[in-house]
């Protein structure tokens, strides 16, 4: 299967969108299958912590311990992208 980053027209220039996409791809590629499944259930399927815990036979603290670091990293990537976008706009 082609990676998402391979399906986007590549101009060779490090655009803010490509930087974010590459960072997100690297982050999610680094996760275990189990952590990806927890993220998918929680944020794609939009299940509550209790529902994820019940489905996976885990307690809520375990779900948080496995998903919170990833969520924090996603927020940091987005914050850096916004900051870089503002810097680029100021240069124009």
PDB file of N, CA and C in Angstrom:
ATOM      1  N   UNK A   1       0.843  -1.183   0.000  1.00  0.00           N
ATOM      2  CA  UNK A   1       0.000   0.000   0.000  1.00  0.00           C
ATOM      3  C   UNK A   1       0.885   1.243   0.000  1.00  0.00           C
ATOM      4  N   UNK A   2       0.523   2.202  -0.831  1.00  0.00           N
ATOM      5  CA  UNK A   2       1.275   3.450  -0.883  1.00  0.00           C
ATOM      6  C   UNK A   2       1.017   4.272   0.371  1.00  0.00           C
ATOM      7  N   UNK A   3       2.089   4.881   0.876  1.00  0.00           N
ATOM      8  CA  UNK A   3       1.915   5.775   2.014  1.00  0.00           C
ATOM      9  C   UNK A   3       1.254   7.055   1.536  1.00  0.00           C
ATOM     10  N   UNK A   4       0.553   7.706   2.420  1.00  0.00           N
ATOM     11  CA  UNK A   4      -0.138   8.946   2.088  1.00  0.00           C
ATOM     12  C   UNK A   4       0.836   9.976   1.541  1.00  0.00           C
ATOM     13  N   UNK A   5       2.024  10.033   2.121  1.00  0.00           N
ATOM     14  CA  UNK A   5       3.001  11.022   1.662  1.00  0.00           C
ATOM     15  C   UNK A   5       3.458  10.747   0.238  1.00  0.00           C
ATOM     16  N   UNK A   6       3.358   9.504  -0.222  1.00  0.00           N
ATOM     17  CA  UNK A   6       3.748   9.168  -1.584  1.00  0.00           C
ATOM     18  C   UNK A   6       2.660   9.509  -2.594  1.00  0.00           C
ATOM     19  N   UNK A   7       1.450   9.695  -2.116  1.00  0.00           N
ATOM     20  CA  UNK A   7       0.332   9.978  -3.020  1.00  0.00           C
ATOM     21  C   UNK A   7       0.118  11.466  -3.246  1.00  0.00           C
ATOM     22  N   UNK A   8       0.866  12.294  -2.561  1.00  0.00           N
ATOM     23  CA  UNK A   8       0.724  13.738  -2.699  1.00  0.00           C
ATOM     24  C   UNK A   8       1.796  14.233  -3.652  1.00  0.00           C
ATOM     25  N   UNK A   9       1.417  15.120  -4.542  1.00  0.00           N
ATOM     26  CA  UNK A   9       2.369  15.684  -5.484  1.00  0.00           C
ATOM     27  C   UNK A   9       3.562  16.237  -4.719  1.00  0.00           C
ATOM     28  N   UNK A  10       4.736  15.782  -5.097  1.00  0.00           N
ATOM     29  CA  UNK A  10       5.954  16.208  -4.404  1.00  0.00           C
ATOM     30  C   UNK A  10       6.713  17.192  -5.280  1.00  0.00           C
ATOM     31  N   UNK A  11       6.734  18.431  -4.872  1.00  0.00           N
ATOM     32  CA  UNK A  11       7.466  19.462  -5.606  1.00  0.00           C
ATOM     33  C   UNK A  11       8.913  19.521  -5.153  1.00  0.00           C
ATOM     34  N   UNK A  12       9.251  18.783  -4.130  1.00  0.00           N
ATOM     35  CA  UNK A  12      10.591  18.828  -3.587  1.00  0.00           C
ATOM     36  C   UNK A  12      10.792  19.954  -2.588  1.00  0.00           C
ATOM     37  N   UNK A  13       9.805  20.819  -2.459  1.00  0.00           N
ATOM     38  CA  UNK A  13       9.888  21.934  -1.520  1.00  0.00           C
ATOM     39  C   UNK A  13       9.245  21.536  -0.187  1.00  0.00           C
ATOM     40  N   UNK A  14       9.875  21.870   0.910  1.00  0.00           N
ATOM     41  CA  UNK A  14       9.309  21.514   2.225  1.00  0.00           C
ATOM     42  C   UNK A  14       8.175  22.457   2.625  1.00  0.00           C
ATOM     43  N   UNK A  15       6.997  22.236   2.083  1.00  0.00           N
ATOM     44  CA  UNK A  15       5.846  23.069   2.420  1.00  0.00           C
ATOM     45  C   UNK A  15       5.395  22.761   3.846  1.00  0.00           C
ATOM     46  N   UNK A  16       4.722  23.699   4.487  1.00  0.00           N
ATOM     47  CA  UNK A  16       4.222  23.432   5.849  1.00  0.00           C
ATOM     48  C   UNK A  16       3.330  22.189   5.901  1.00  0.00           C
ATOM     49  N   UNK A  17       2.518  21.996   4.872  1.00  0.00           N
ATOM     50  CA  UNK A  17       1.636  20.830   4.849  1.00  0.00           C
ATOM     51  C   UNK A  17       2.436  19.534   4.782  1.00  0.00           C
ATOM     52  N   UNK A  18       3.481  19.512   3.959  1.00  0.00           N
ATOM     53  CA  UNK A  18       4.297  18.303   3.836  1.00  0.00           C
ATOM     54  C   UNK A  18       5.044  18.029   5.137  1.00  0.00           C
ATOM     55  N   UNK A  19       5.532  19.079   5.783  1.00  0.00           N
ATOM     56  CA  UNK A  19       6.236  18.910   7.054  1.00  0.00           C
ATOM     57  C   UNK A  19       5.308  18.289   8.093  1.00  0.00           C
ATOM     58  N   UNK A  20       4.076  18.795   8.172  1.00  0.00           N
ATOM     59  CA  UNK A  20       3.087  18.246   9.109  1.00  0.00           C
ATOM     60  C   UNK A  20       2.754  16.808   8.740  1.00  0.00           C
ATOM     61  N   UNK A  21       2.498  16.565   7.476  1.00  0.00           N
ATOM     62  CA  UNK A  21       2.150  15.213   7.032  1.00  0.00           C
ATOM     63  C   UNK A  21       3.277  14.232   7.329  1.00  0.00           C
ATOM     64  N   UNK A  22       4.503  14.632   7.059  1.00  0.00           N
ATOM     65  CA  UNK A  22       5.642  13.752   7.336  1.00  0.00           C
ATOM     66  C   UNK A  22       5.779  13.481   8.832  1.00  0.00           C
ATOM     67  N   UNK A  23       5.584  14.518   9.650  1.00  0.00           N
ATOM     68  CA  UNK A  23       5.677  14.348  11.103  1.00  0.00           C
ATOM     69  C   UNK A  23       4.577  13.432  11.625  1.00  0.00           C
ATOM     70  N   UNK A  24       3.359  13.617  11.127  1.00  0.00           N
ATOM     71  CA  UNK A  24       2.238  12.772  11.559  1.00  0.00           C
ATOM     72  C   UNK A  24       2.455  11.331  11.104  1.00  0.00           C
ATOM     73  N   UNK A  25       2.915  11.166   9.876  1.00  0.00           N
ATOM     74  CA  UNK A  25       3.167   9.823   9.356  1.00  0.00           C
ATOM     75  C   UNK A  25       4.234   9.121  10.186  1.00  0.00           C
ATOM     76  N   UNK A  26       5.311   9.826  10.494  1.00  0.00           N
ATOM     77  CA  UNK A  26       6.374   9.240  11.308  1.00  0.00           C
ATOM     78  C   UNK A  26       5.856   8.864  12.695  1.00  0.00           C
ATOM     79  N   UNK A  27       5.049   9.737  13.274  1.00  0.00           N
ATOM     80  CA  UNK A  27       4.487   9.462  14.596  1.00  0.00           C
ATOM     81  C   UNK A  27       3.638   8.198  14.571  1.00  0.00           C
ATOM     82  N   UNK A  28       2.703   8.107  13.630  1.00  0.00           N
ATOM     83  CA  UNK A  28       1.806   6.955  13.608  1.00  0.00           C
ATOM     84  C   UNK A  28       2.511   5.684  13.151  1.00  0.00           C
ATOM     85  N   UNK A  29       3.541   5.810  12.326  1.00  0.00           N
ATOM     86  CA  UNK A  29       4.339   4.641  11.945  1.00  0.00           C
ATOM     87  C   UNK A  29       5.111   4.086  13.137  1.00  0.00           C
ATOM     88  N   UNK A  30       5.416   4.931  14.116  1.00  0.00           N
ATOM     89  CA  UNK A  30       6.200   4.498  15.272  1.00  0.00           C
ATOM     90  C   UNK A  30       5.356   3.791  16.337  1.00  0.00           C
ATOM     91  N   UNK A  31       4.044   3.858  16.212  1.00  0.00           N
ATOM     92  CA  UNK A  31       3.169   3.258  17.220  1.00  0.00           C
ATOM     93  C   UNK A  31       3.010   1.761  17.011  1.00  0.00           C
ATOM     94  N   UNK A  32       2.787   1.062  18.094  1.00  0.00           N
ATOM     95  CA  UNK A  32       2.493  -0.370  18.012  1.00  0.00           C
ATOM     96  C   UNK A  32       1.082  -0.550  17.447  1.00  0.00           C
ATOM     97  N   UNK A  33       0.809  -1.754  16.968  1.00  0.00           N
ATOM     98  CA  UNK A  33      -0.533  -2.049  16.454  1.00  0.00           C
ATOM     99  C   UNK A  33      -1.587  -1.853  17.538  1.00  0.00           C
ATOM    100  N   UNK A  34      -1.241  -2.216  18.763  1.00  0.00           N
ATOM    101  CA  UNK A  34      -2.183  -2.073  19.875  1.00  0.00           C
ATOM    102  C   UNK A  34      -2.494  -0.601  20.150  1.00  0.00           C
ATOM    103  N   UNK A  35      -1.455   0.236  20.160  1.00  0.00           N
ATOM    104  CA  UNK A  35      -1.674   1.663  20.398  1.00  0.00           C
ATOM    105  C   UNK A  35      -2.459   2.297  19.252  1.00  0.00           C
ATOM    106  N   UNK A  36      -2.168   1.886  18.021  1.00  0.00           N
ATOM    107  CA  UNK A  36      -2.937   2.386  16.876  1.00  0.00           C
ATOM    108  C   UNK A  36      -4.410   2.021  17.001  1.00  0.00           C
ATOM    109  N   UNK A  37      -4.676   0.810  17.454  1.00  0.00           N
ATOM    110  CA  UNK A  37      -6.059   0.374  17.621  1.00  0.00           C
ATOM    111  C   UNK A  37      -6.762   1.205  18.695  1.00  0.00           C
ATOM    112  N   UNK A  38      -6.083   1.490  19.792  1.00  0.00           N
ATOM    113  CA  UNK A  38      -6.674   2.318  20.847  1.00  0.00           C
ATOM    114  C   UNK A  38      -6.966   3.726  20.334  1.00  0.00           C
ATOM    115  N   UNK A  39      -6.035   4.293  19.568  1.00  0.00           N
ATOM    116  CA  UNK A  39      -6.235   5.624  18.989  1.00  0.00           C
ATOM    117  C   UNK A  39      -7.408   5.587  18.015  1.00  0.00           C
ATOM    118  N   UNK A  40      -7.463   4.551  17.199  1.00  0.00           N
ATOM    119  CA  UNK A  40      -8.554   4.430  16.221  1.00  0.00           C
ATOM    120  C   UNK A  40      -9.906   4.354  16.917  1.00  0.00           C
ATOM    121  N   UNK A  41     -10.008   3.503  17.922  1.00  0.00           N
ATOM    122  CA  UNK A  41     -11.282   3.368  18.634  1.00  0.00           C
ATOM    123  C   UNK A  41     -11.683   4.671  19.320  1.00  0.00           C
ATOM    124  N   UNK A  42     -10.712   5.299  19.963  1.00  0.00           N
ATOM    125  CA  UNK A  42     -11.011   6.512  20.747  1.00  0.00           C
ATOM    126  C   UNK A  42     -11.326   7.715  19.870  1.00  0.00           C
ATOM    127  N   UNK A  43     -10.537   7.923  18.816  1.00  0.00           N
ATOM    128  CA  UNK A  43     -10.657   9.177  18.070  1.00  0.00           C
ATOM    129  C   UNK A  43     -11.264   9.035  16.676  1.00  0.00           C
ATOM    130  N   UNK A  44     -11.201   7.862  16.079  1.00  0.00           N
ATOM    131  CA  UNK A  44     -11.847   7.676  14.774  1.00  0.00           C
ATOM    132  C   UNK A  44     -13.263   7.146  14.970  1.00  0.00           C
ATOM    133  N   UNK A  45     -13.382   6.113  15.804  1.00  0.00           N
ATOM    134  CA  UNK A  45     -14.704   5.567  16.108  1.00  0.00           C
ATOM    135  C   UNK A  45     -15.447   6.429  17.127  1.00  0.00           C
ATOM    136  N   UNK A  46     -14.728   7.358  17.773  1.00  0.00           N
ATOM    137  CA  UNK A  46     -15.290   8.303  18.742  1.00  0.00           C
ATOM    138  C   UNK A  46     -15.937   7.606  19.932  1.00  0.00           C
ATOM    139  N   UNK A  47     -15.283   6.532  20.404  1.00  0.00           N
ATOM    140  CA  UNK A  47     -15.790   5.835  21.577  1.00  0.00           C
ATOM    141  C   UNK A  47     -15.300   6.534  22.842  1.00  0.00           C
ATOM    142  N   UNK A  48     -16.054   6.409  23.899  1.00  0.00           N
ATOM    143  CA  UNK A  48     -15.634   6.960  25.186  1.00  0.00           C
ATOM    144  C   UNK A  48     -14.517   6.082  25.750  1.00  0.00           C
ATOM    145  N   UNK A  49     -13.820   6.604  26.749  1.00  0.00           N
ATOM    146  CA  UNK A  49     -12.788   5.795  27.408  1.00  0.00           C
ATOM    147  C   UNK A  49     -13.382   4.507  27.962  1.00  0.00           C
ATOM    148  N   UNK A  50     -14.547   4.610  28.554  1.00  0.00           N
ATOM    149  CA  UNK A  50     -15.211   3.441  29.118  1.00  0.00           C
ATOM    150  C   UNK A  50     -15.527   2.412  28.035  1.00  0.00           C
ATOM    151  N   UNK A  51     -15.995   2.870  26.882  1.00  0.00           N
ATOM    152  CA  UNK A  51     -16.320   1.948  25.787  1.00  0.00           C
ATOM    153  C   UNK A  51     -15.065   1.265  25.238  1.00  0.00           C
ATOM    154  N   UNK A  52     -13.985   2.034  25.086  1.00  0.00           N
ATOM    155  CA  UNK A  52     -12.722   1.451  24.618  1.00  0.00           C
ATOM    156  C   UNK A  52     -12.212   0.435  25.634  1.00  0.00           C
ATOM    157  N   UNK A  53     -12.254   0.805  26.906  1.00  0.00           N
ATOM    158  CA  UNK A  53     -11.787  -0.088  27.969  1.00  0.00           C
ATOM    159  C   UNK A  53     -12.573  -1.392  27.968  1.00  0.00           C
ATOM    160  N   UNK A  54     -13.882  -1.289  27.828  1.00  0.00           N
ATOM    161  CA  UNK A  54     -14.717  -2.495  27.804  1.00  0.00           C
ATOM    162  C   UNK A  54     -14.404  -3.360  26.596  1.00  0.00           C
ATOM    163  N   UNK A  55     -14.271  -2.738  25.451  1.00  0.00           N
ATOM    164  CA  UNK A  55     -14.023  -3.485  24.216  1.00  0.00           C
ATOM    165  C   UNK A  55     -12.656  -4.171  24.234  1.00  0.00           C
ATOM    166  N   UNK A  56     -11.672  -3.513  24.832  1.00  0.00           N
ATOM    167  CA  UNK A  56     -10.298  -4.034  24.818  1.00  0.00           C
ATOM    168  C   UNK A  56      -9.920  -4.772  26.098  1.00  0.00           C
ATOM    169  N   UNK A  57     -10.859  -4.848  27.042  1.00  0.00           N
ATOM    170  CA  UNK A  57     -10.617  -5.506  28.325  1.00  0.00           C
ATOM    171  C   UNK A  57      -9.425  -4.880  29.057  1.00  0.00           C
ATOM    172  N   UNK A  58      -9.402  -3.552  29.065  1.00  0.00           N
ATOM    173  CA  UNK A  58      -8.379  -2.781  29.768  1.00  0.00           C
ATOM    174  C   UNK A  58      -9.071  -1.772  30.663  1.00  0.00           C
ATOM    175  N   UNK A  59      -8.333  -1.200  31.611  1.00  0.00           N
ATOM    176  CA  UNK A  59      -8.948  -0.148  32.407  1.00  0.00           C
ATOM    177  C   UNK A  59      -8.669   1.213  31.756  1.00  0.00           C
ATOM    178  N   UNK A  60      -9.428   2.213  32.170  1.00  0.00           N
ATOM    179  CA  UNK A  60      -9.324   3.542  31.563  1.00  0.00           C
ATOM    180  C   UNK A  60      -7.938   4.156  31.730  1.00  0.00           C
ATOM    181  N   UNK A  61      -7.302   3.906  32.851  1.00  0.00           N
ATOM    182  CA  UNK A  61      -5.963   4.454  33.074  1.00  0.00           C
ATOM    183  C   UNK A  61      -4.972   3.904  32.042  1.00  0.00           C
ATOM    184  N   UNK A  62      -5.119   2.659  31.700  1.00  0.00           N
ATOM    185  CA  UNK A  62      -4.248   2.056  30.690  1.00  0.00           C
ATOM    186  C   UNK A  62      -4.494   2.691  29.328  1.00  0.00           C
ATOM    187  N   UNK A  63      -5.749   2.929  28.998  1.00  0.00           N
ATOM    188  CA  UNK A  63      -6.090   3.576  27.722  1.00  0.00           C
ATOM    189  C   UNK A  63      -5.437   4.956  27.685  1.00  0.00           C
ATOM    190  N   UNK A  64      -5.584   5.717  28.751  1.00  0.00           N
ATOM    191  CA  UNK A  64      -4.985   7.060  28.819  1.00  0.00           C
ATOM    192  C   UNK A  64      -3.461   6.989  28.692  1.00  0.00           C
ATOM    193  N   UNK A  65      -2.859   6.051  29.389  1.00  0.00           N
ATOM    194  CA  UNK A  65      -1.395   5.930  29.375  1.00  0.00           C
ATOM    195  C   UNK A  65      -0.880   5.625  27.955  1.00  0.00           C
ATOM    196  N   UNK A  66      -1.667   4.917  27.188  1.00  0.00           N
ATOM    197  CA  UNK A  66      -1.254   4.565  25.829  1.00  0.00           C
ATOM    198  C   UNK A  66      -1.639   5.611  24.786  1.00  0.00           C
ATOM    199  N   UNK A  67      -2.680   6.395  25.037  1.00  0.00           N
ATOM    200  CA  UNK A  67      -3.126   7.353  24.021  1.00  0.00           C
ATOM    201  C   UNK A  67      -2.682   8.790  24.293  1.00  0.00           C
ATOM    202  N   UNK A  68      -2.578   9.184  25.547  1.00  0.00           N
ATOM    203  CA  UNK A  68      -2.250  10.580  25.860  1.00  0.00           C
ATOM    204  C   UNK A  68      -0.919  11.058  25.279  1.00  0.00           C
ATOM    205  N   UNK A  69       0.158  10.266  25.340  1.00  0.00           N
ATOM    206  CA  UNK A  69       1.412  10.749  24.744  1.00  0.00           C
ATOM    207  C   UNK A  69       1.280  11.025  23.243  1.00  0.00           C
ATOM    208  N   UNK A  70       0.539  10.195  22.545  1.00  0.00           N
ATOM    209  CA  UNK A  70       0.344  10.400  21.104  1.00  0.00           C
ATOM    210  C   UNK A  70      -0.474  11.654  20.851  1.00  0.00           C
ATOM    211  N   UNK A  71      -1.518  11.851  21.631  1.00  0.00           N
ATOM    212  CA  UNK A  71      -2.353  13.045  21.474  1.00  0.00           C
ATOM    213  C   UNK A  71      -1.519  14.296  21.747  1.00  0.00           C
ATOM    214  N   UNK A  72      -0.678  14.265  22.763  1.00  0.00           N
ATOM    215  CA  UNK A  72       0.193  15.410  23.063  1.00  0.00           C
ATOM    216  C   UNK A  72       1.148  15.679  21.906  1.00  0.00           C
ATOM    217  N   UNK A  73       1.683  14.625  21.294  1.00  0.00           N
ATOM    218  CA  UNK A  73       2.597  14.801  20.171  1.00  0.00           C
ATOM    219  C   UNK A  73       1.870  15.383  18.957  1.00  0.00           C
ATOM    220  N   UNK A  74       0.650  14.928  18.704  1.00  0.00           N
ATOM    221  CA  UNK A  74      -0.144  15.478  17.600  1.00  0.00           C
ATOM    222  C   UNK A  74      -0.392  16.969  17.832  1.00  0.00           C
ATOM    223  N   UNK A  75      -0.763  17.330  19.047  1.00  0.00           N
ATOM    224  CA  UNK A  75      -0.996  18.738  19.366  1.00  0.00           C
ATOM    225  C   UNK A  75       0.278  19.563  19.185  1.00  0.00           C
ATOM    226  N   UNK A  76       1.419  19.003  19.570  1.00  0.00           N
ATOM    227  CA  UNK A  76       2.691  19.711  19.413  1.00  0.00           C
ATOM    228  C   UNK A  76       3.031  19.910  17.939  1.00  0.00           C
ATOM    229  N   UNK A  77       2.783  18.905  17.117  1.00  0.00           N
ATOM    230  CA  UNK A  77       3.032  19.020  15.676  1.00  0.00           C
ATOM    231  C   UNK A  77       2.163  20.122  15.085  1.00  0.00           C
ATOM    232  N   UNK A  78       0.905  20.146  15.460  1.00  0.00           N
ATOM    233  CA  UNK A  78      -0.016  21.162  14.954  1.00  0.00           C
ATOM    234  C   UNK A  78       0.405  22.547  15.437  1.00  0.00           C
ATOM    235  N   UNK A  79       0.792  22.661  16.694  1.00  0.00           N
ATOM    236  CA  UNK A  79       1.226  23.954  17.235  1.00  0.00           C
ATOM    237  C   UNK A  79       2.469  24.456  16.506  1.00  0.00           C
ATOM    238  N   UNK A  80       3.439  23.565  16.253  1.00  0.00           N
ATOM    239  CA  UNK A  80       4.640  23.962  15.507  1.00  0.00           C
ATOM    240  C   UNK A  80       4.271  24.397  14.094  1.00  0.00           C
ATOM    241  N   UNK A  81       3.335  23.695  13.476  1.00  0.00           N
ATOM    242  CA  UNK A  81       2.916  24.046  12.119  1.00  0.00           C
ATOM    243  C   UNK A  81       2.270  25.422  12.100  1.00  0.00           C
ATOM    244  N   UNK A  82       1.420  25.702  13.073  1.00  0.00           N
ATOM    245  CA  UNK A  82       0.780  27.019  13.144  1.00  0.00           C
ATOM    246  C   UNK A  82       1.813  28.109  13.359  1.00  0.00           C
ATOM    247  N   UNK A  83       2.784  27.846  14.235  1.00  0.00           N
ATOM    248  CA  UNK A  83       3.828  28.822  14.502  1.00  0.00           C
ATOM    249  C   UNK A  83       4.651  29.077  13.240  1.00  0.00           C
ATOM    250  N   UNK A  84       5.021  28.015  12.539  1.00  0.00           N
ATOM    251  CA  UNK A  84       5.788  28.149  11.301  1.00  0.00           C
ATOM    252  C   UNK A  84       4.989  28.877  10.232  1.00  0.00           C
ATOM    253  N   UNK A  85       3.700  28.623  10.172  1.00  0.00           N
ATOM    254  CA  UNK A  85       2.838  29.291   9.200  1.00  0.00           C
ATOM    255  C   UNK A  85       2.807  30.786   9.465  1.00  0.00           C
ATOM    256  N   UNK A  86       2.743  31.171  10.740  1.00  0.00           N
ATOM    257  CA  UNK A  86       2.755  32.588  11.097  1.00  0.00           C
ATOM    258  C   UNK A  86       4.085  33.223  10.722  1.00  0.00           C
ATOM    259  N   UNK A  87       5.166  32.500  10.923  1.00  0.00           N
ATOM    260  CA  UNK A  87       6.490  33.012  10.552  1.00  0.00           C
ATOM    261  C   UNK A  87       6.560  33.218   9.045  1.00  0.00           C
ATOM    262  N   UNK A  88       6.061  32.279   8.289  1.00  0.00           N
ATOM    263  CA  UNK A  88       6.066  32.387   6.827  1.00  0.00           C
ATOM    264  C   UNK A  88       5.228  33.579   6.374  1.00  0.00           C
ATOM    265  N   UNK A  89       4.045  33.764   7.001  1.00  0.00           N
ATOM    266  CA  UNK A  89       3.186  34.893   6.635  1.00  0.00           C
ATOM    267  C   UNK A  89       3.855  36.217   6.934  1.00  0.00           C
ATOM    268  N   UNK A  90       4.594  36.325   8.027  1.00  0.00           N
ATOM    269  CA  UNK A  90       5.270  37.562   8.392  1.00  0.00           C
ATOM    270  C   UNK A  90       6.364  37.899   7.388  1.00  0.00           C
ATOM    271  N   UNK A  91       6.980  36.896   6.793  1.00  0.00           N
ATOM    272  CA  UNK A  91       8.045  37.116   5.827  1.00  0.00           C
ATOM    273  C   UNK A  91       7.523  37.646   4.510  1.00  0.00           C
ATOM    274  N   UNK A  92       6.275  37.392   4.208  1.00  0.00           N
ATOM    275  CA  UNK A  92       5.697  37.825   2.921  1.00  0.00           C
ATOM    276  C   UNK A  92       5.456  39.293   2.858  1.00  0.00           C
TER     277      UNK A  92
END
